[in-house]
């Protein structure tokens, strides 16, 4: 650019681009709530995964277009609470937890309390993430990320629906899955973030590319079952890493 020439101001519309992805993700989460209330559970599960895809895109679009803003960060968290907090909790409630009323008044209350527990833990997880931005190692998430917890919940319901398994018959299993996902979000367990931290320009290993392609092929063949397997393994990876560190620590002290 010639000296003395001012750069052309960036069009204001481009600042709306990442927020449009965020709004689209929130719309998908809101649709999931409506679909679950109407008993369209597979549609609700797909909507949650659409919200997760859009949630992964908005931040990347903001970085690519250099349109990051504090407003966008806060808006993204509010949208995530709808898509990955309220939507999965109501999906599980309408699919299975509401059926606990058949076992009496107290189990019925436990059903909606557990659904609320999941939504509250998602809100706490998002608030803690915002408060710790820039203070923690970006290679790790502290606690299960809310999109991963929502993926676990939604893929569980979707898989059961694909095998014609009733939420009424699996209501106590659904109760356990909901409590498990909720507590993992507010735990101190470490989960690999796949962001690479400061080493963002590091090359991706060839084996990792092959693994990703294999997962995508498997998802295309049987989406609900494969997604359940992926999110269940990821949820358990935090416990596995915690156990590995506990076993390794005495050995290091002895050495």
C-alpha atoms as a PDB file:
ATOM      1  CA  UNK A   1       0.000   0.000   0.000  1.00  0.00           C
ATOM      2  CA  UNK A   2       1.479   3.419  -0.935  1.00  0.00           C
ATOM      3  CA  UNK A   3       2.664   5.534   2.021  1.00  0.00           C
ATOM      4  CA  UNK A   4       0.141   7.999   3.336  1.00  0.00           C
ATOM      5  CA  UNK A   5      -2.834   6.018   2.017  1.00  0.00           C
ATOM      6  CA  UNK A   6      -5.240   4.974   4.722  1.00  0.00           C
ATOM      7  CA  UNK A   7      -6.393   1.332   4.639  1.00  0.00           C
ATOM      8  CA  UNK A   8      -9.935   0.854   3.469  1.00  0.00           C
ATOM      9  CA  UNK A   9     -12.214   0.384   6.493  1.00  0.00           C
ATOM     10  CA  UNK A  10     -13.562  -3.117   6.885  1.00  0.00           C
ATOM     11  CA  UNK A  11     -17.214  -3.431   5.933  1.00  0.00           C
ATOM     12  CA  UNK A  12     -19.445  -3.516   8.988  1.00  0.00           C
ATOM     13  CA  UNK A  13     -21.346  -6.461   7.624  1.00  0.00           C
ATOM     14  CA  UNK A  14     -18.386  -8.780   8.073  1.00  0.00           C
ATOM     15  CA  UNK A  15     -18.620  -8.359  11.851  1.00  0.00           C
ATOM     16  CA  UNK A  16     -22.059  -9.948  11.624  1.00  0.00           C
ATOM     17  CA  UNK A  17     -20.705 -13.083   9.936  1.00  0.00           C
ATOM     18  CA  UNK A  18     -19.456 -14.994  13.016  1.00  0.00           C
ATOM     19  CA  UNK A  19     -22.495 -13.851  14.998  1.00  0.00           C
ATOM     20  CA  UNK A  20     -24.746 -15.212  12.252  1.00  0.00           C
ATOM     21  CA  UNK A  21     -23.165 -18.639  12.766  1.00  0.00           C
ATOM     22  CA  UNK A  22     -23.744 -18.256  16.508  1.00  0.00           C
ATOM     23  CA  UNK A  23     -27.372 -17.294  15.896  1.00  0.00           C
ATOM     24  CA  UNK A  24     -27.794 -20.276  13.586  1.00  0.00           C
ATOM     25  CA  UNK A  25     -26.472 -22.582  16.301  1.00  0.00           C
ATOM     26  CA  UNK A  26     -28.864 -21.088  18.850  1.00  0.00           C
ATOM     27  CA  UNK A  27     -31.728 -21.529  16.387  1.00  0.00           C
ATOM     28  CA  UNK A  28     -30.799 -25.210  16.009  1.00  0.00           C
ATOM     29  CA  UNK A  29     -30.785 -25.586  19.788  1.00  0.00           C
ATOM     30  CA  UNK A  30     -34.158 -23.865  20.084  1.00  0.00           C
ATOM     31  CA  UNK A  31     -35.551 -26.122  17.354  1.00  0.00           C
ATOM     32  CA  UNK A  32     -34.256 -29.138  19.287  1.00  0.00           C
ATOM     33  CA  UNK A  33     -36.298 -28.011  22.296  1.00  0.00           C
ATOM     34  CA  UNK A  34     -39.464 -27.680  20.192  1.00  0.00           C
ATOM     35  CA  UNK A  35     -38.890 -31.026  18.442  1.00  0.00           C
ATOM     36  CA  UNK A  36     -38.295 -32.830  21.744  1.00  0.00           C
ATOM     37  CA  UNK A  37     -41.477 -31.355  23.244  1.00  0.00           C
ATOM     38  CA  UNK A  38     -43.401 -32.672  20.227  1.00  0.00           C
ATOM     39  CA  UNK A  39     -41.859 -36.135  20.490  1.00  0.00           C
ATOM     40  CA  UNK A  40     -39.639 -35.849  17.386  1.00  0.00           C
ATOM     41  CA  UNK A  41     -36.557 -37.089  19.196  1.00  0.00           C
ATOM     42  CA  UNK A  42     -34.279 -38.016  16.255  1.00  0.00           C
ATOM     43  CA  UNK A  43     -34.883 -34.574  14.738  1.00  0.00           C
ATOM     44  CA  UNK A  44     -34.028 -32.970  18.074  1.00  0.00           C
ATOM     45  CA  UNK A  45     -30.785 -34.973  18.298  1.00  0.00           C
ATOM     46  CA  UNK A  46     -29.749 -33.961  14.775  1.00  0.00           C
ATOM     47  CA  UNK A  47     -30.493 -30.321  15.616  1.00  0.00           C
ATOM     48  CA  UNK A  48     -28.137 -30.466  18.616  1.00  0.00           C
ATOM     49  CA  UNK A  49     -25.341 -31.778  16.393  1.00  0.00           C
ATOM     50  CA  UNK A  50     -26.041 -29.054  13.834  1.00  0.00           C
ATOM     51  CA  UNK A  51     -25.702 -26.531  16.649  1.00  0.00           C
ATOM     52  CA  UNK A  52     -22.357 -28.106  17.604  1.00  0.00           C
ATOM     53  CA  UNK A  53     -21.064 -27.796  14.034  1.00  0.00           C
ATOM     54  CA  UNK A  54     -22.096 -24.139  13.824  1.00  0.00           C
ATOM     55  CA  UNK A  55     -20.570 -23.509  17.248  1.00  0.00           C
ATOM     56  CA  UNK A  56     -17.266 -24.851  15.973  1.00  0.00           C
ATOM     57  CA  UNK A  57     -17.421 -22.636  12.903  1.00  0.00           C
ATOM     58  CA  UNK A  58     -18.238 -19.251  14.443  1.00  0.00           C
ATOM     59  CA  UNK A  59     -14.935 -18.885  16.280  1.00  0.00           C
ATOM     60  CA  UNK A  60     -12.914 -19.989  13.264  1.00  0.00           C
ATOM     61  CA  UNK A  61     -14.782 -17.572  11.007  1.00  0.00           C
ATOM     62  CA  UNK A  62     -14.101 -14.765  13.489  1.00  0.00           C
ATOM     63  CA  UNK A  63     -10.372 -15.564  13.488  1.00  0.00           C
ATOM     64  CA  UNK A  64     -10.158 -15.905   9.714  1.00  0.00           C
ATOM     65  CA  UNK A  65     -11.910 -12.573   9.152  1.00  0.00           C
ATOM     66  CA  UNK A  66     -10.199 -10.903  12.148  1.00  0.00           C
ATOM     67  CA  UNK A  67     -13.574  -9.973  13.623  1.00  0.00           C
ATOM     68  CA  UNK A  68     -13.170 -11.271  17.185  1.00  0.00           C
ATOM     69  CA  UNK A  69     -14.935  -9.210  19.817  1.00  0.00           C
ATOM     70  CA  UNK A  70     -15.884  -9.424  23.481  1.00  0.00           C
ATOM     71  CA  UNK A  71     -19.514  -9.176  22.406  1.00  0.00           C
ATOM     72  CA  UNK A  72     -19.074 -12.257  20.221  1.00  0.00           C
ATOM     73  CA  UNK A  73     -17.517 -14.223  23.089  1.00  0.00           C
ATOM     74  CA  UNK A  74     -20.373 -13.441  25.465  1.00  0.00           C
ATOM     75  CA  UNK A  75     -23.031 -14.013  22.813  1.00  0.00           C
ATOM     76  CA  UNK A  76     -21.485 -17.374  21.976  1.00  0.00           C
ATOM     77  CA  UNK A  77     -21.679 -18.453  25.624  1.00  0.00           C
ATOM     78  CA  UNK A  78     -25.349 -17.471  25.890  1.00  0.00           C
ATOM     79  CA  UNK A  79     -26.124 -19.375  22.691  1.00  0.00           C
ATOM     80  CA  UNK A  80     -24.210 -22.405  23.999  1.00  0.00           C
ATOM     81  CA  UNK A  81     -26.340 -22.413  27.140  1.00  0.00           C
ATOM     82  CA  UNK A  82     -29.446 -22.780  24.968  1.00  0.00           C
ATOM     83  CA  UNK A  83     -28.001 -25.334  22.541  1.00  0.00           C
ATOM     84  CA  UNK A  84     -25.865 -27.450  24.891  1.00  0.00           C
ATOM     85  CA  UNK A  85     -27.482 -26.795  28.263  1.00  0.00           C
ATOM     86  CA  UNK A  86     -31.237 -26.353  28.001  1.00  0.00           C
ATOM     87  CA  UNK A  87     -31.827 -28.307  24.774  1.00  0.00           C
ATOM     88  CA  UNK A  88     -30.134 -31.603  25.829  1.00  0.00           C
ATOM     89  CA  UNK A  89     -31.685 -31.465  29.299  1.00  0.00           C
ATOM     90  CA  UNK A  90     -35.208 -31.035  27.914  1.00  0.00           C
ATOM     91  CA  UNK A  91     -34.521 -33.638  25.221  1.00  0.00           C
ATOM     92  CA  UNK A  92     -33.623 -36.199  27.884  1.00  0.00           C
ATOM     93  CA  UNK A  93     -36.516 -35.098  30.086  1.00  0.00           C
ATOM     94  CA  UNK A  94     -39.171 -35.508  27.393  1.00  0.00           C
ATOM     95  CA  UNK A  95     -37.643 -38.754  26.133  1.00  0.00           C
ATOM     96  CA  UNK A  96     -37.161 -40.581  29.432  1.00  0.00           C
ATOM     97  CA  UNK A  97     -36.995 -38.605  32.678  1.00  0.00           C
ATOM     98  CA  UNK A  98     -40.617 -37.540  32.533  1.00  0.00           C
ATOM     99  CA  UNK A  99     -41.538 -41.253  32.690  1.00  0.00           C
ATOM    100  CA  UNK A 100     -40.195 -41.464  36.233  1.00  0.00           C
ATOM    101  CA  UNK A 101     -43.612 -40.145  37.331  1.00  0.00           C
ATOM    102  CA  UNK A 102     -44.936 -43.666  36.757  1.00  0.00           C
ATOM    103  CA  UNK A 103     -42.911 -44.801  39.790  1.00  0.00           C
ATOM    104  CA  UNK A 104     -44.392 -42.236  42.150  1.00  0.00           C
ATOM    105  CA  UNK A 105     -44.365 -38.558  43.011  1.00  0.00           C
ATOM    106  CA  UNK A 106     -40.812 -38.537  44.392  1.00  0.00           C
ATOM    107  CA  UNK A 107     -39.173 -40.205  41.363  1.00  0.00           C
ATOM    108  CA  UNK A 108     -41.152 -37.811  39.159  1.00  0.00           C
ATOM    109  CA  UNK A 109     -39.635 -34.858  40.978  1.00  0.00           C
ATOM    110  CA  UNK A 110     -36.185 -36.415  40.716  1.00  0.00           C
ATOM    111  CA  UNK A 111     -36.649 -36.567  36.938  1.00  0.00           C
ATOM    112  CA  UNK A 112     -37.093 -32.842  36.416  1.00  0.00           C
ATOM    113  CA  UNK A 113     -34.546 -31.985  39.124  1.00  0.00           C
ATOM    114  CA  UNK A 114     -31.888 -34.038  37.328  1.00  0.00           C
ATOM    115  CA  UNK A 115     -32.790 -32.362  34.040  1.00  0.00           C
ATOM    116  CA  UNK A 116     -32.322 -29.001  35.752  1.00  0.00           C
ATOM    117  CA  UNK A 117     -29.041 -30.225  37.274  1.00  0.00           C
ATOM    118  CA  UNK A 118     -27.661 -30.826  33.801  1.00  0.00           C
ATOM    119  CA  UNK A 119     -28.701 -27.346  32.606  1.00  0.00           C
ATOM    120  CA  UNK A 120     -27.233 -25.727  35.741  1.00  0.00           C
ATOM    121  CA  UNK A 121     -23.940 -27.607  35.374  1.00  0.00           C
ATOM    122  CA  UNK A 122     -23.725 -26.504  31.741  1.00  0.00           C
ATOM    123  CA  UNK A 123     -24.187 -22.877  32.839  1.00  0.00           C
ATOM    124  CA  UNK A 124     -21.511 -23.275  35.521  1.00  0.00           C
ATOM    125  CA  UNK A 125     -19.152 -24.898  33.022  1.00  0.00           C
ATOM    126  CA  UNK A 126     -19.579 -22.034  30.534  1.00  0.00           C
ATOM    127  CA  UNK A 127     -19.127 -19.397  33.258  1.00  0.00           C
ATOM    128  CA  UNK A 128     -15.942 -21.073  34.498  1.00  0.00           C
ATOM    129  CA  UNK A 129     -14.588 -21.301  30.967  1.00  0.00           C
ATOM    130  CA  UNK A 130     -15.155 -17.568  30.400  1.00  0.00           C
ATOM    131  CA  UNK A 131     -13.554 -16.693  33.745  1.00  0.00           C
ATOM    132  CA  UNK A 132     -10.461 -18.796  33.020  1.00  0.00           C
ATOM    133  CA  UNK A 133      -9.802 -17.712  29.429  1.00  0.00           C
ATOM    134  CA  UNK A 134      -6.115 -16.867  29.143  1.00  0.00           C
ATOM    135  CA  UNK A 135      -5.307 -18.460  32.520  1.00  0.00           C
ATOM    136  CA  UNK A 136      -5.253 -22.156  31.621  1.00  0.00           C
ATOM    137  CA  UNK A 137      -3.349 -24.347  29.179  1.00  0.00           C
ATOM    138  CA  UNK A 138      -5.285 -24.164  25.911  1.00  0.00           C
ATOM    139  CA  UNK A 139      -4.363 -27.753  25.124  1.00  0.00           C
ATOM    140  CA  UNK A 140      -6.805 -28.907  27.803  1.00  0.00           C
ATOM    141  CA  UNK A 141     -10.383 -28.335  28.866  1.00  0.00           C
ATOM    142  CA  UNK A 142     -11.032 -28.360  32.606  1.00  0.00           C
ATOM    143  CA  UNK A 143     -14.171 -30.431  32.838  1.00  0.00           C
ATOM    144  CA  UNK A 144     -16.087 -31.919  29.940  1.00  0.00           C
ATOM    145  CA  UNK A 145     -16.968 -29.191  27.423  1.00  0.00           C
ATOM    146  CA  UNK A 146     -20.697 -28.518  27.140  1.00  0.00           C
ATOM    147  CA  UNK A 147     -20.861 -29.408  23.387  1.00  0.00           C
ATOM    148  CA  UNK A 148     -19.262 -32.792  24.158  1.00  0.00           C
ATOM    149  CA  UNK A 149     -21.695 -33.390  27.029  1.00  0.00           C
ATOM    150  CA  UNK A 150     -24.592 -32.463  24.741  1.00  0.00           C
ATOM    151  CA  UNK A 151     -23.187 -34.823  22.106  1.00  0.00           C
ATOM    152  CA  UNK A 152     -23.122 -37.654  24.642  1.00  0.00           C
ATOM    153  CA  UNK A 153     -26.722 -37.005  25.698  1.00  0.00           C
ATOM    154  CA  UNK A 154     -28.065 -36.585  22.167  1.00  0.00           C
ATOM    155  CA  UNK A 155     -26.212 -39.546  20.666  1.00  0.00           C
ATOM    156  CA  UNK A 156     -27.485 -41.757  23.502  1.00  0.00           C
ATOM    157  CA  UNK A 157     -31.096 -40.819  22.769  1.00  0.00           C
ATOM    158  CA  UNK A 158     -30.548 -41.060  18.997  1.00  0.00           C
ATOM    159  CA  UNK A 159     -28.965 -44.525  19.260  1.00  0.00           C
ATOM    160  CA  UNK A 160     -31.768 -45.823  21.466  1.00  0.00           C
ATOM    161  CA  UNK A 161     -34.351 -44.434  19.051  1.00  0.00           C
ATOM    162  CA  UNK A 162     -32.582 -46.092  16.103  1.00  0.00           C
ATOM    163  CA  UNK A 163     -32.897 -49.461  17.891  1.00  0.00           C
ATOM    164  CA  UNK A 164     -36.535 -48.767  18.841  1.00  0.00           C
ATOM    165  CA  UNK A 165     -35.670 -48.666  22.530  1.00  0.00           C
ATOM    166  CA  UNK A 166     -38.158 -46.746  24.625  1.00  0.00           C
ATOM    167  CA  UNK A 167     -37.074 -43.991  26.940  1.00  0.00           C
ATOM    168  CA  UNK A 168     -39.782 -45.167  29.322  1.00  0.00           C
ATOM    169  CA  UNK A 169     -38.030 -48.541  29.677  1.00  0.00           C
ATOM    170  CA  UNK A 170     -34.576 -46.943  29.957  1.00  0.00           C
ATOM    171  CA  UNK A 171     -35.553 -44.097  32.273  1.00  0.00           C
ATOM    172  CA  UNK A 172     -33.103 -45.062  35.014  1.00  0.00           C
ATOM    173  CA  UNK A 173     -30.285 -45.560  32.529  1.00  0.00           C
ATOM    174  CA  UNK A 174     -31.112 -42.115  31.117  1.00  0.00           C
ATOM    175  CA  UNK A 175     -31.060 -40.738  34.657  1.00  0.00           C
ATOM    176  CA  UNK A 176     -27.548 -42.113  35.147  1.00  0.00           C
ATOM    177  CA  UNK A 177     -26.307 -40.754  31.816  1.00  0.00           C
ATOM    178  CA  UNK A 178     -27.666 -37.295  32.616  1.00  0.00           C
ATOM    179  CA  UNK A 179     -26.074 -37.156  36.076  1.00  0.00           C
ATOM    180  CA  UNK A 180     -22.803 -38.528  34.671  1.00  0.00           C
ATOM    181  CA  UNK A 181     -22.613 -35.889  31.927  1.00  0.00           C
ATOM    182  CA  UNK A 182     -23.603 -33.099  34.317  1.00  0.00           C
ATOM    183  CA  UNK A 183     -20.963 -33.935  36.915  1.00  0.00           C
ATOM    184  CA  UNK A 184     -18.224 -34.326  34.303  1.00  0.00           C
ATOM    185  CA  UNK A 185     -18.862 -30.765  33.117  1.00  0.00           C
ATOM    186  CA  UNK A 186     -18.189 -29.278  36.554  1.00  0.00           C
ATOM    187  CA  UNK A 187     -15.379 -31.684  37.429  1.00  0.00           C
ATOM    188  CA  UNK A 188     -11.685 -30.807  37.468  1.00  0.00           C
ATOM    189  CA  UNK A 189     -10.840 -33.579  35.011  1.00  0.00           C
ATOM    190  CA  UNK A 190      -8.653 -32.663  32.053  1.00  0.00           C
ATOM    191  CA  UNK A 191      -9.847 -33.243  28.494  1.00  0.00           C
ATOM    192  CA  UNK A 192      -7.711 -32.787  25.414  1.00  0.00           C
ATOM    193  CA  UNK A 193      -8.994 -29.729  23.534  1.00  0.00           C
ATOM    194  CA  UNK A 194      -7.558 -30.527  20.054  1.00  0.00           C
ATOM    195  CA  UNK A 195      -6.565 -26.863  19.763  1.00  0.00           C
ATOM    196  CA  UNK A 196      -2.865 -27.371  20.191  1.00  0.00           C
ATOM    197  CA  UNK A 197      -2.463 -24.321  22.438  1.00  0.00           C
ATOM    198  CA  UNK A 198       0.241 -21.923  21.301  1.00  0.00           C
ATOM    199  CA  UNK A 199       1.520 -24.438  18.792  1.00  0.00           C
ATOM    200  CA  UNK A 200      -1.325 -23.683  16.442  1.00  0.00           C
ATOM    201  CA  UNK A 201       0.898 -23.947  13.392  1.00  0.00           C
ATOM    202  CA  UNK A 202       2.146 -27.430  14.232  1.00  0.00           C
ATOM    203  CA  UNK A 203       1.710 -29.946  11.476  1.00  0.00           C
ATOM    204  CA  UNK A 204      -1.014 -32.531  11.902  1.00  0.00           C
ATOM    205  CA  UNK A 205       0.366 -36.110  11.989  1.00  0.00           C
ATOM    206  CA  UNK A 206      -0.565 -38.218   8.978  1.00  0.00           C
ATOM    207  CA  UNK A 207      -1.999 -40.903  11.278  1.00  0.00           C
ATOM    208  CA  UNK A 208      -4.392 -38.326  12.760  1.00  0.00           C
ATOM    209  CA  UNK A 209      -5.695 -37.488   9.280  1.00  0.00           C
ATOM    210  CA  UNK A 210      -6.297 -41.172   8.548  1.00  0.00           C
ATOM    211  CA  UNK A 211      -8.095 -41.536  11.888  1.00  0.00           C
ATOM    212  CA  UNK A 212     -10.355 -38.539  11.192  1.00  0.00           C
ATOM    213  CA  UNK A 213     -11.217 -39.874   7.729  1.00  0.00           C
ATOM    214  CA  UNK A 214     -12.018 -43.281   9.225  1.00  0.00           C
ATOM    215  CA  UNK A 215     -14.319 -41.707  11.826  1.00  0.00           C
ATOM    216  CA  UNK A 216     -16.119 -39.662   9.168  1.00  0.00           C
ATOM    217  CA  UNK A 217     -16.682 -42.779   7.058  1.00  0.00           C
ATOM    218  CA  UNK A 218     -18.010 -44.661  10.082  1.00  0.00           C
ATOM    219  CA  UNK A 219     -20.314 -41.763  10.988  1.00  0.00           C
ATOM    220  CA  UNK A 220     -21.680 -41.748   7.439  1.00  0.00           C
ATOM    221  CA  UNK A 221     -22.474 -45.473   7.727  1.00  0.00           C
ATOM    222  CA  UNK A 222     -24.152 -45.418  11.149  1.00  0.00           C
ATOM    223  CA  UNK A 223     -24.325 -41.860  12.590  1.00  0.00           C
ATOM    224  CA  UNK A 224     -26.033 -42.426  15.974  1.00  0.00           C
ATOM    225  CA  UNK A 225     -24.050 -45.472  17.098  1.00  0.00           C
ATOM    226  CA  UNK A 226     -20.663 -44.150  15.988  1.00  0.00           C
ATOM    227  CA  UNK A 227     -21.283 -40.729  17.519  1.00  0.00           C
ATOM    228  CA  UNK A 228     -22.300 -42.372  20.796  1.00  0.00           C
ATOM    229  CA  UNK A 229     -19.076 -44.375  20.765  1.00  0.00           C
ATOM    230  CA  UNK A 230     -16.958 -41.301  20.013  1.00  0.00           C
ATOM    231  CA  UNK A 231     -18.521 -39.093  22.690  1.00  0.00           C
ATOM    232  CA  UNK A 232     -18.600 -41.874  25.285  1.00  0.00           C
ATOM    233  CA  UNK A 233     -14.890 -42.576  24.755  1.00  0.00           C
ATOM    234  CA  UNK A 234     -14.100 -38.872  24.952  1.00  0.00           C
ATOM    235  CA  UNK A 235     -16.124 -38.508  28.165  1.00  0.00           C
ATOM    236  CA  UNK A 236     -14.286 -41.479  29.681  1.00  0.00           C
ATOM    237  CA  UNK A 237     -10.904 -40.189  28.509  1.00  0.00           C
ATOM    238  CA  UNK A 238     -10.886 -37.587  31.286  1.00  0.00           C
ATOM    239  CA  UNK A 239     -11.345 -40.304  33.903  1.00  0.00           C
ATOM    240  CA  UNK A 240      -8.714 -42.449  32.196  1.00  0.00           C
ATOM    241  CA  UNK A 241      -6.193 -39.606  32.142  1.00  0.00           C
ATOM    242  CA  UNK A 242      -6.902 -38.825  35.793  1.00  0.00           C
ATOM    243  CA  UNK A 243      -6.333 -42.475  36.728  1.00  0.00           C
ATOM    244  CA  UNK A 244      -3.130 -42.645  34.691  1.00  0.00           C
ATOM    245  CA  UNK A 245      -1.759 -39.567  36.443  1.00  0.00           C
ATOM    246  CA  UNK A 246      -2.648 -41.002  39.859  1.00  0.00           C
ATOM    247  CA  UNK A 247      -0.823 -44.240  39.066  1.00  0.00           C
ATOM    248  CA  UNK A 248       2.165 -42.406  37.643  1.00  0.00           C
ATOM    249  CA  UNK A 249       2.580 -39.994  40.579  1.00  0.00           C
ATOM    250  CA  UNK A 250       3.689 -42.604  43.181  1.00  0.00           C
ATOM    251  CA  UNK A 251       6.224 -43.968  40.688  1.00  0.00           C
ATOM    252  CA  UNK A 252       7.689 -40.482  40.172  1.00  0.00           C
ATOM    253  CA  UNK A 253       7.880 -39.897  43.950  1.00  0.00           C
ATOM    254  CA  UNK A 254       9.637 -43.249  44.443  1.00  0.00           C
ATOM    255  CA  UNK A 255      12.116 -42.484  41.676  1.00  0.00           C
END
